[in-house]
Amino acid sequence: MTNPFDDESGIFLVLVNDEGQHSLWPRFADVPAGWTPTFGPAGRAACLTHIESTWTDLRPKSLIAATDGSTTH
């Protein structure tokens, strides 16, 4: 059985969670709680291109805020 996440001909969504983390998700699968579709449905390559162009800082938002001094204590 082929892993649906590796299916080059599959149709996918790009999901984002509250921490700004992105996920490539097969269109046929239910979107998990805490994740929101932000791109697609589209081919795998288009979704990966979108992720690469929009998720440029891989740190979670909470870590970015903590290390950039954006939070108040």
PDB file of N, CA and C in Angstrom:
ATOM      1  N   MET A   1       0.840  -1.186   0.000  1.00  0.00           N
ATOM      2  CA  MET A   1       0.000   0.000   0.000  1.00  0.00           C
ATOM      3  C   MET A   1       0.887   1.252   0.000  1.00  0.00           C
ATOM      4  N   THR A   2       0.534   2.215  -0.800  1.00  0.00           N
ATOM      5  CA  THR A   2       1.282   3.460  -0.916  1.00  0.00           C
ATOM      6  C   THR A   2       0.859   4.440   0.176  1.00  0.00           C
ATOM      7  N   ASN A   3       1.822   5.142   0.726  1.00  0.00           N
ATOM      8  CA  ASN A   3       1.529   6.182   1.703  1.00  0.00           C
ATOM      9  C   ASN A   3       0.828   7.326   0.976  1.00  0.00           C
ATOM     10  N   PRO A   4      -0.385   7.721   1.398  1.00  0.00           N
ATOM     11  CA  PRO A   4      -1.114   8.770   0.683  1.00  0.00           C
ATOM     12  C   PRO A   4      -0.404  10.125   0.708  1.00  0.00           C
ATOM     13  N   PHE A   5       0.481  10.349   1.654  1.00  0.00           N
ATOM     14  CA  PHE A   5       1.219  11.609   1.721  1.00  0.00           C
ATOM     15  C   PHE A   5       2.315  11.686   0.661  1.00  0.00           C
ATOM     16  N   ASP A   6       2.692  10.545   0.115  1.00  0.00           N
ATOM     17  CA  ASP A   6       3.737  10.484  -0.908  1.00  0.00           C
ATOM     18  C   ASP A   6       3.187  10.337  -2.318  1.00  0.00           C
ATOM     19  N   ASP A   7       1.882  10.366  -2.478  1.00  0.00           N
ATOM     20  CA  ASP A   7       1.242  10.148  -3.778  1.00  0.00           C
ATOM     21  C   ASP A   7       1.427  11.380  -4.665  1.00  0.00           C
ATOM     22  N   GLU A   8       2.341  11.284  -5.627  1.00  0.00           N
ATOM     23  CA  GLU A   8       2.636  12.411  -6.524  1.00  0.00           C
ATOM     24  C   GLU A   8       1.418  12.848  -7.333  1.00  0.00           C
ATOM     25  N   SER A   9       0.468  11.955  -7.550  1.00  0.00           N
ATOM     26  CA  SER A   9      -0.724  12.308  -8.332  1.00  0.00           C
ATOM     27  C   SER A   9      -1.919  12.637  -7.440  1.00  0.00           C
ATOM     28  N   GLY A  10      -1.704  12.667  -6.130  1.00  0.00           N
ATOM     29  CA  GLY A  10      -2.789  12.950  -5.193  1.00  0.00           C
ATOM     30  C   GLY A  10      -3.174  14.420  -5.170  1.00  0.00           C
ATOM     31  N   ILE A  11      -4.343  14.666  -4.610  1.00  0.00           N
ATOM     32  CA  ILE A  11      -4.834  16.028  -4.405  1.00  0.00           C
ATOM     33  C   ILE A  11      -4.754  16.308  -2.905  1.00  0.00           C
ATOM     34  N   PHE A  12      -4.193  17.467  -2.574  1.00  0.00           N
ATOM     35  CA  PHE A  12      -3.888  17.784  -1.186  1.00  0.00           C
ATOM     36  C   PHE A  12      -4.425  19.153  -0.777  1.00  0.00           C
ATOM     37  N   LEU A  13      -4.422  19.358   0.534  1.00  0.00           N
ATOM     38  CA  LEU A  13      -4.668  20.654   1.157  1.00  0.00           C
ATOM     39  C   LEU A  13      -3.412  21.033   1.929  1.00  0.00           C
ATOM     40  N   VAL A  14      -3.226  22.318   2.136  1.00  0.00           N
ATOM     41  CA  VAL A  14      -2.219  22.783   3.080  1.00  0.00           C
ATOM     42  C   VAL A  14      -2.985  23.217   4.319  1.00  0.00           C
ATOM     43  N   LEU A  15      -2.599  22.663   5.457  1.00  0.00           N
ATOM     44  CA  LEU A  15      -3.224  23.002   6.727  1.00  0.00           C
ATOM     45  C   LEU A  15      -2.246  23.812   7.564  1.00  0.00           C
ATOM     46  N   VAL A  16      -2.800  24.689   8.416  1.00  0.00           N
ATOM     47  CA  VAL A  16      -1.983  25.474   9.342  1.00  0.00           C
ATOM     48  C   VAL A  16      -2.635  25.393  10.717  1.00  0.00           C
ATOM     49  N   ASN A  17      -1.804  25.253  11.759  1.00  0.00           N
ATOM     50  CA  ASN A  17      -2.338  25.241  13.115  1.00  0.00           C
ATOM     51  C   ASN A  17      -2.105  26.593  13.787  1.00  0.00           C
ATOM     52  N   ASP A  18      -2.529  26.710  15.052  1.00  0.00           N
ATOM     53  CA  ASP A  18      -2.419  27.981  15.767  1.00  0.00           C
ATOM     54  C   ASP A  18      -0.978  28.420  15.988  1.00  0.00           C
ATOM     55  N   GLU A  19      -0.037  27.505  15.893  1.00  0.00           N
ATOM     56  CA  GLU A  19       1.379  27.833  16.048  1.00  0.00           C
ATOM     57  C   GLU A  19       2.020  28.225  14.718  1.00  0.00           C
ATOM     58  N   GLY A  20       1.209  28.239  13.641  1.00  0.00           N
ATOM     59  CA  GLY A  20       1.732  28.614  12.335  1.00  0.00           C
ATOM     60  C   GLY A  20       2.448  27.487  11.617  1.00  0.00           C
ATOM     61  N   GLN A  21       2.373  26.277  12.163  1.00  0.00           N
ATOM     62  CA  GLN A  21       3.002  25.124  11.526  1.00  0.00           C
ATOM     63  C   GLN A  21       2.126  24.651  10.372  1.00  0.00           C
ATOM     64  N   HIS A  22       2.747  24.216   9.300  1.00  0.00           N
ATOM     65  CA  HIS A  22       2.047  23.795   8.089  1.00  0.00           C
ATOM     66  C   HIS A  22       2.090  22.284   7.926  1.00  0.00           C
ATOM     67  N   SER A  23       1.077  21.757   7.250  1.00  0.00           N
ATOM     68  CA  SER A  23       1.019  20.324   6.988  1.00  0.00           C
ATOM     69  C   SER A  23       0.424  20.081   5.612  1.00  0.00           C
ATOM     70  N   LEU A  24       0.996  19.136   4.907  1.00  0.00           N
ATOM     71  CA  LEU A  24       0.452  18.657   3.636  1.00  0.00           C
ATOM     72  C   LEU A  24      -0.547  17.562   3.990  1.00  0.00           C
ATOM     73  N   TRP A  25      -1.793  17.684   3.516  1.00  0.00           N
ATOM     74  CA  TRP A  25      -2.850  16.775   3.947  1.00  0.00           C
ATOM     75  C   TRP A  25      -3.650  16.277   2.754  1.00  0.00           C
ATOM     76  N   PRO A  26      -3.835  14.959   2.634  1.00  0.00           N
ATOM     77  CA  PRO A  26      -4.634  14.429   1.525  1.00  0.00           C
ATOM     78  C   PRO A  26      -6.071  14.949   1.596  1.00  0.00           C
ATOM     79  N   ARG A  27      -6.614  15.334   0.465  1.00  0.00           N
ATOM     80  CA  ARG A  27      -7.958  15.913   0.418  1.00  0.00           C
ATOM     81  C   ARG A  27      -9.009  14.962   0.966  1.00  0.00           C
ATOM     82  N   PHE A  28      -8.840  13.656   0.764  1.00  0.00           N
ATOM     83  CA  PHE A  28      -9.864  12.701   1.183  1.00  0.00           C
ATOM     84  C   PHE A  28      -9.935  12.523   2.700  1.00  0.00           C
ATOM     85  N   ALA A  29      -8.889  12.922   3.417  1.00  0.00           N
ATOM     86  CA  ALA A  29      -8.843  12.717   4.866  1.00  0.00           C
ATOM     87  C   ALA A  29      -9.482  13.894   5.597  1.00  0.00           C
ATOM     88  N   ASP A  30     -10.143  13.591   6.701  1.00  0.00           N
ATOM     89  CA  ASP A  30     -10.741  14.642   7.518  1.00  0.00           C
ATOM     90  C   ASP A  30      -9.650  15.558   8.058  1.00  0.00           C
ATOM     91  N   VAL A  31      -9.952  16.851   8.113  1.00  0.00           N
ATOM     92  CA  VAL A  31      -9.019  17.821   8.681  1.00  0.00           C
ATOM     93  C   VAL A  31      -9.033  17.633  10.200  1.00  0.00           C
ATOM     94  N   PRO A  32      -7.872  17.413  10.810  1.00  0.00           N
ATOM     95  CA  PRO A  32      -7.838  17.189  12.257  1.00  0.00           C
ATOM     96  C   PRO A  32      -8.155  18.464  13.036  1.00  0.00           C
ATOM     97  N   ALA A  33      -8.650  18.268  14.248  1.00  0.00           N
ATOM     98  CA  ALA A  33      -8.956  19.394  15.134  1.00  0.00           C
ATOM     99  C   ALA A  33      -7.701  20.234  15.340  1.00  0.00           C
ATOM    100  N   GLY A  34      -7.882  21.538  15.351  1.00  0.00           N
ATOM    101  CA  GLY A  34      -6.768  22.447  15.575  1.00  0.00           C
ATOM    102  C   GLY A  34      -6.028  22.875  14.318  1.00  0.00           C
ATOM    103  N   TRP A  35      -6.458  22.368  13.165  1.00  0.00           N
ATOM    104  CA  TRP A  35      -5.824  22.699  11.891  1.00  0.00           C
ATOM    105  C   TRP A  35      -6.850  23.337  10.967  1.00  0.00           C
ATOM    106  N   THR A  36      -6.418  24.291  10.145  1.00  0.00           N
ATOM    107  CA  THR A  36      -7.290  25.008   9.219  1.00  0.00           C
ATOM    108  C   THR A  36      -6.717  24.920   7.812  1.00  0.00           C
ATOM    109  N   PRO A  37      -7.543  24.543   6.827  1.00  0.00           N
ATOM    110  CA  PRO A  37      -7.062  24.557   5.440  1.00  0.00           C
ATOM    111  C   PRO A  37      -6.778  25.992   4.996  1.00  0.00           C
ATOM    112  N   THR A  38      -5.624  26.213   4.367  1.00  0.00           N
ATOM    113  CA  THR A  38      -5.264  27.552   3.898  1.00  0.00           C
ATOM    114  C   THR A  38      -4.912  27.592   2.416  1.00  0.00           C
ATOM    115  N   PHE A  39      -4.809  26.414   1.795  1.00  0.00           N
ATOM    116  CA  PHE A  39      -4.472  26.358   0.376  1.00  0.00           C
ATOM    117  C   PHE A  39      -4.967  25.029  -0.163  1.00  0.00           C
ATOM    118  N   GLY A  40      -5.408  25.049  -1.412  1.00  0.00           N
ATOM    119  CA  GLY A  40      -5.873  23.834  -2.074  1.00  0.00           C
ATOM    120  C   GLY A  40      -7.386  23.751  -2.044  1.00  0.00           C
ATOM    121  N   PRO A  41      -7.890  22.670  -2.564  1.00  0.00           N
ATOM    122  CA  PRO A  41      -7.176  21.487  -3.005  1.00  0.00           C
ATOM    123  C   PRO A  41      -6.361  21.743  -4.268  1.00  0.00           C
ATOM    124  N   ALA A  42      -5.211  21.094  -4.305  1.00  0.00           N
ATOM    125  CA  ALA A  42      -4.290  21.233  -5.435  1.00  0.00           C
ATOM    126  C   ALA A  42      -3.366  20.021  -5.456  1.00  0.00           C
ATOM    127  N   GLY A  43      -2.590  19.928  -6.507  1.00  0.00           N
ATOM    128  CA  GLY A  43      -1.619  18.852  -6.616  1.00  0.00           C
ATOM    129  C   GLY A  43      -0.555  18.959  -5.537  1.00  0.00           C
ATOM    130  N   ARG A  44       0.118  17.850  -5.308  1.00  0.00           N
ATOM    131  CA  ARG A  44       1.143  17.787  -4.264  1.00  0.00           C
ATOM    132  C   ARG A  44       2.236  18.826  -4.490  1.00  0.00           C
ATOM    133  N   ALA A  45       2.722  18.944  -5.708  1.00  0.00           N
ATOM    134  CA  ALA A  45       3.806  19.888  -6.006  1.00  0.00           C
ATOM    135  C   ALA A  45       3.383  21.327  -5.734  1.00  0.00           C
ATOM    136  N   ALA A  46       2.170  21.695  -6.114  1.00  0.00           N
ATOM    137  CA  ALA A  46       1.684  23.061  -5.878  1.00  0.00           C
ATOM    138  C   ALA A  46       1.566  23.337  -4.384  1.00  0.00           C
ATOM    139  N   CYS A  47       1.095  22.352  -3.634  1.00  0.00           N
ATOM    140  CA  CYS A  47       0.977  22.526  -2.188  1.00  0.00           C
ATOM    141  C   CYS A  47       2.349  22.676  -1.537  1.00  0.00           C
ATOM    142  N   LEU A  48       3.309  21.863  -1.962  1.00  0.00           N
ATOM    143  CA  LEU A  48       4.659  21.973  -1.409  1.00  0.00           C
ATOM    144  C   LEU A  48       5.298  23.313  -1.752  1.00  0.00           C
ATOM    145  N   THR A  49       5.073  23.803  -2.958  1.00  0.00           N
ATOM    146  CA  THR A  49       5.581  25.122  -3.343  1.00  0.00           C
ATOM    147  C   THR A  49       4.968  26.203  -2.463  1.00  0.00           C
ATOM    148  N   HIS A  50       3.673  26.094  -2.211  1.00  0.00           N
ATOM    149  CA  HIS A  50       2.997  27.061  -1.337  1.00  0.00           C
ATOM    150  C   HIS A  50       3.605  27.024   0.069  1.00  0.00           C
ATOM    151  N   ILE A  51       3.796  25.830   0.607  1.00  0.00           N
ATOM    152  CA  ILE A  51       4.380  25.706   1.946  1.00  0.00           C
ATOM    153  C   ILE A  51       5.775  26.327   1.978  1.00  0.00           C
ATOM    154  N   GLU A  52       6.593  26.021   0.996  1.00  0.00           N
ATOM    155  CA  GLU A  52       7.960  26.541   0.960  1.00  0.00           C
ATOM    156  C   GLU A  52       7.999  28.063   0.847  1.00  0.00           C
ATOM    157  N   SER A  53       7.006  28.651   0.184  1.00  0.00           N
ATOM    158  CA  SER A  53       7.015  30.105   0.005  1.00  0.00           C
ATOM    159  C   SER A  53       6.365  30.855   1.164  1.00  0.00           C
ATOM    160  N   THR A  54       5.539  30.193   1.954  1.00  0.00           N
ATOM    161  CA  THR A  54       4.836  30.895   3.029  1.00  0.00           C
ATOM    162  C   THR A  54       5.334  30.543   4.423  1.00  0.00           C
ATOM    163  N   TRP A  55       5.891  29.367   4.602  1.00  0.00           N
ATOM    164  CA  TRP A  55       6.367  28.941   5.922  1.00  0.00           C
ATOM    165  C   TRP A  55       7.878  29.064   5.942  1.00  0.00           C
ATOM    166  N   THR A  56       8.348  30.287   6.061  1.00  0.00           N
ATOM    167  CA  THR A  56       9.778  30.553   5.951  1.00  0.00           C
ATOM    168  C   THR A  56      10.506  30.478   7.292  1.00  0.00           C
ATOM    169  N   ASP A  57       9.791  30.603   8.383  1.00  0.00           N
ATOM    170  CA  ASP A  57      10.375  30.459   9.720  1.00  0.00           C
ATOM    171  C   ASP A  57       9.703  29.249  10.358  1.00  0.00           C
ATOM    172  N   LEU A  58      10.425  28.155  10.495  1.00  0.00           N
ATOM    173  CA  LEU A  58       9.840  26.899  10.943  1.00  0.00           C
ATOM    174  C   LEU A  58       9.584  26.840  12.444  1.00  0.00           C
ATOM    175  N   ARG A  59       9.991  27.867  13.170  1.00  0.00           N
ATOM    176  CA  ARG A  59       9.738  27.873  14.610  1.00  0.00           C
ATOM    177  C   ARG A  59       8.252  28.095  14.879  1.00  0.00           C
ATOM    178  N   PRO A  60       7.700  27.454  15.931  1.00  0.00           N
ATOM    179  CA  PRO A  60       6.317  27.732  16.313  1.00  0.00           C
ATOM    180  C   PRO A  60       6.168  29.201  16.717  1.00  0.00           C
ATOM    181  N   LYS A  61       4.973  29.758  16.515  1.00  0.00           N
ATOM    182  CA  LYS A  61       4.735  31.170  16.843  1.00  0.00           C
ATOM    183  C   LYS A  61       5.105  31.496  18.282  1.00  0.00           C
ATOM    184  N   SER A  62       4.806  30.587  19.213  1.00  0.00           N
ATOM    185  CA  SER A  62       5.114  30.854  20.621  1.00  0.00           C
ATOM    186  C   SER A  62       6.623  30.973  20.851  1.00  0.00           C
ATOM    187  N   LEU A  63       7.413  30.191  20.157  1.00  0.00           N
ATOM    188  CA  LEU A  63       8.866  30.280  20.284  1.00  0.00           C
ATOM    189  C   LEU A  63       9.383  31.560  19.638  1.00  0.00           C
ATOM    190  N   ILE A  64       8.823  31.931  18.505  1.00  0.00           N
ATOM    191  CA  ILE A  64       9.210  33.189  17.855  1.00  0.00           C
ATOM    192  C   ILE A  64       8.951  34.354  18.796  1.00  0.00           C
ATOM    193  N   ALA A  65       7.761  34.365  19.395  1.00  0.00           N
ATOM    194  CA  ALA A  65       7.404  35.451  20.306  1.00  0.00           C
ATOM    195  C   ALA A  65       8.342  35.479  21.512  1.00  0.00           C
ATOM    196  N   ALA A  66       8.681  34.324  22.050  1.00  0.00           N
ATOM    197  CA  ALA A  66       9.543  34.259  23.231  1.00  0.00           C
ATOM    198  C   ALA A  66      10.972  34.682  22.916  1.00  0.00           C
ATOM    199  N   THR A  67      11.489  34.277  21.778  1.00  0.00           N
ATOM    200  CA  THR A  67      12.880  34.584  21.457  1.00  0.00           C
ATOM    201  C   THR A  67      13.056  35.965  20.851  1.00  0.00           C
ATOM    202  N   ASP A  68      11.998  36.521  20.308  1.00  0.00           N
ATOM    203  CA  ASP A  68      12.077  37.864  19.738  1.00  0.00           C
ATOM    204  C   ASP A  68      11.697  38.932  20.754  1.00  0.00           C
ATOM    205  N   GLY A  69      11.372  38.528  21.978  1.00  0.00           N
ATOM    206  CA  GLY A  69      10.997  39.485  23.005  1.00  0.00           C
ATOM    207  C   GLY A  69       9.636  40.101  22.780  1.00  0.00           C
ATOM    208  N   SER A  70       8.775  39.413  22.039  1.00  0.00           N
ATOM    209  CA  SER A  70       7.461  39.957  21.709  1.00  0.00           C
ATOM    210  C   SER A  70       6.416  39.691  22.780  1.00  0.00           C
ATOM    211  N   THR A  71       6.768  38.953  23.816  1.00  0.00           N
ATOM    212  CA  THR A  71       5.794  38.664  24.864  1.00  0.00           C
ATOM    213  C   THR A  71       6.115  39.497  26.083  1.00  0.00           C
ATOM    214  N   THR A  72       5.117  39.775  26.877  1.00  0.00           N
ATOM    215  CA  THR A  72       5.320  40.511  28.118  1.00  0.00           C
ATOM    216  C   THR A  72       5.197  39.536  29.274  1.00  0.00           C
ATOM    217  N   HIS A  73       6.027  39.719  30.290  1.00  0.00           N
ATOM    218  CA  HIS A  73       6.010  38.823  31.457  1.00  0.00           C
ATOM    219  C   HIS A  73       5.539  39.576  32.656  1.00  0.00           C
TER     220      HIS A  73
END
